[in-house]
C-alpha atoms as a PDB file:
ATOM      1  CA  UNK A   1      22.634   4.105 -17.548  1.00  0.00           C
ATOM      2  CA  UNK A   2      20.977   1.125 -15.908  1.00  0.00           C
ATOM      3  CA  UNK A   3      17.706   1.476 -14.014  1.00  0.00           C
ATOM      4  CA  UNK A   4      17.759   1.230 -10.240  1.00  0.00           C
ATOM      5  CA  UNK A   5      15.158   0.924  -7.495  1.00  0.00           C
ATOM      6  CA  UNK A   6      14.684   0.449  -3.742  1.00  0.00           C
ATOM      7  CA  UNK A   7      12.249  -2.377  -2.988  1.00  0.00           C
ATOM      8  CA  UNK A   8      11.589  -4.599   0.067  1.00  0.00           C
ATOM      9  CA  UNK A   9      14.581  -3.160   1.898  1.00  0.00           C
ATOM     10  CA  UNK A  10      17.041  -3.967  -0.912  1.00  0.00           C
ATOM     11  CA  UNK A  11      18.664  -1.975  -3.698  1.00  0.00           C
ATOM     12  CA  UNK A  12      18.135  -3.446  -7.188  1.00  0.00           C
ATOM     13  CA  UNK A  13      19.681  -2.656 -10.578  1.00  0.00           C
ATOM     14  CA  UNK A  14      18.472  -3.776 -14.020  1.00  0.00           C
ATOM     15  CA  UNK A  15      20.908  -4.738 -16.749  1.00  0.00           C
ATOM     16  CA  UNK A  16      20.598  -2.561 -19.841  1.00  0.00           C
ATOM     17  CA  UNK A  17      21.143  -5.551 -22.137  1.00  0.00           C
ATOM     18  CA  UNK A  18      19.219  -8.534 -20.721  1.00  0.00           C
ATOM     19  CA  UNK A  19      16.798  -6.682 -18.396  1.00  0.00           C
ATOM     20  CA  UNK A  20      17.581  -8.934 -15.398  1.00  0.00           C
ATOM     21  CA  UNK A  21      17.086  -7.270 -11.974  1.00  0.00           C
ATOM     22  CA  UNK A  22      19.871  -8.044  -9.491  1.00  0.00           C
ATOM     23  CA  UNK A  23      20.511  -6.978  -5.898  1.00  0.00           C
ATOM     24  CA  UNK A  24      23.377  -4.491  -5.585  1.00  0.00           C
ATOM     25  CA  UNK A  25      25.302  -2.750  -2.827  1.00  0.00           C
ATOM     26  CA  UNK A  26      25.248   0.999  -3.518  1.00  0.00           C
ATOM     27  CA  UNK A  27      27.278   3.868  -2.108  1.00  0.00           C
ATOM     28  CA  UNK A  28      25.740   7.202  -1.112  1.00  0.00           C
ATOM     29  CA  UNK A  29      26.322   9.957  -3.644  1.00  0.00           C
ATOM     30  CA  UNK A  30      24.382  12.943  -2.309  1.00  0.00           C
ATOM     31  CA  UNK A  31      21.714  13.856   0.159  1.00  0.00           C
ATOM     32  CA  UNK A  32      19.208  16.653   0.310  1.00  0.00           C
ATOM     33  CA  UNK A  33      16.266  17.574   2.549  1.00  0.00           C
ATOM     34  CA  UNK A  34      13.823  15.035   1.082  1.00  0.00           C
ATOM     35  CA  UNK A  35      15.899  12.437  -0.818  1.00  0.00           C
ATOM     36  CA  UNK A  36      19.089  10.394  -0.606  1.00  0.00           C
ATOM     37  CA  UNK A  37      20.841   9.484  -3.867  1.00  0.00           C
ATOM     38  CA  UNK A  38      22.805   6.252  -4.260  1.00  0.00           C
ATOM     39  CA  UNK A  39      25.116   4.869  -6.975  1.00  0.00           C
ATOM     40  CA  UNK A  40      25.637   1.155  -7.616  1.00  0.00           C
ATOM     41  CA  UNK A  41      28.298  -0.204  -9.953  1.00  0.00           C
ATOM     42  CA  UNK A  42      27.802  -3.787 -11.163  1.00  0.00           C
ATOM     43  CA  UNK A  43      28.704  -6.133 -14.013  1.00  0.00           C
ATOM     44  CA  UNK A  44      26.196  -8.077 -16.108  1.00  0.00           C
ATOM     45  CA  UNK A  45      26.383  -9.506 -19.638  1.00  0.00           C
ATOM     46  CA  UNK A  46      30.156  -8.879 -19.592  1.00  0.00           C
ATOM     47  CA  UNK A  47      29.623  -5.122 -19.269  1.00  0.00           C
ATOM     48  CA  UNK A  48      30.351  -2.736 -16.374  1.00  0.00           C
ATOM     49  CA  UNK A  49      27.236  -0.710 -15.602  1.00  0.00           C
ATOM     50  CA  UNK A  50      26.054   1.948 -13.145  1.00  0.00           C
ATOM     51  CA  UNK A  51      22.595   2.470 -11.656  1.00  0.00           C
ATOM     52  CA  UNK A  52      21.418   5.561  -9.811  1.00  0.00           C
ATOM     53  CA  UNK A  53      18.821   5.063  -7.091  1.00  0.00           C
ATOM     54  CA  UNK A  54      16.861   7.808  -5.305  1.00  0.00           C
ATOM     55  CA  UNK A  55      15.195   7.042  -1.974  1.00  0.00           C
ATOM     56  CA  UNK A  56      12.728   9.338  -0.235  1.00  0.00           C
ATOM     57  CA  UNK A  57      13.688  10.048   3.376  1.00  0.00           C
ATOM     58  CA  UNK A  58      11.384   9.074   6.236  1.00  0.00           C
ATOM     59  CA  UNK A  59      12.392  12.190   8.204  1.00  0.00           C
ATOM     60  CA  UNK A  60      13.369  15.662   7.030  1.00  0.00           C
ATOM     61  CA  UNK A  61      17.055  16.584   7.274  1.00  0.00           C
ATOM     62  CA  UNK A  62      17.615  20.275   7.983  1.00  0.00           C
ATOM     63  CA  UNK A  63      21.298  20.098   8.977  1.00  0.00           C
END
């Protein structure tokens, strides 16, 4: 699984083969009280890859 991160207001994923970080457009996977989890599918080095990104929420969600 490729590494993912949230930085400077953008989602980034790192290719498992070449290590290049690229901006990606993720989709929400799950949400809990303190974190939101995102999944981004992308292609690099001729290979389909997936990165999981976890972002801490600014406000608590008790719904």
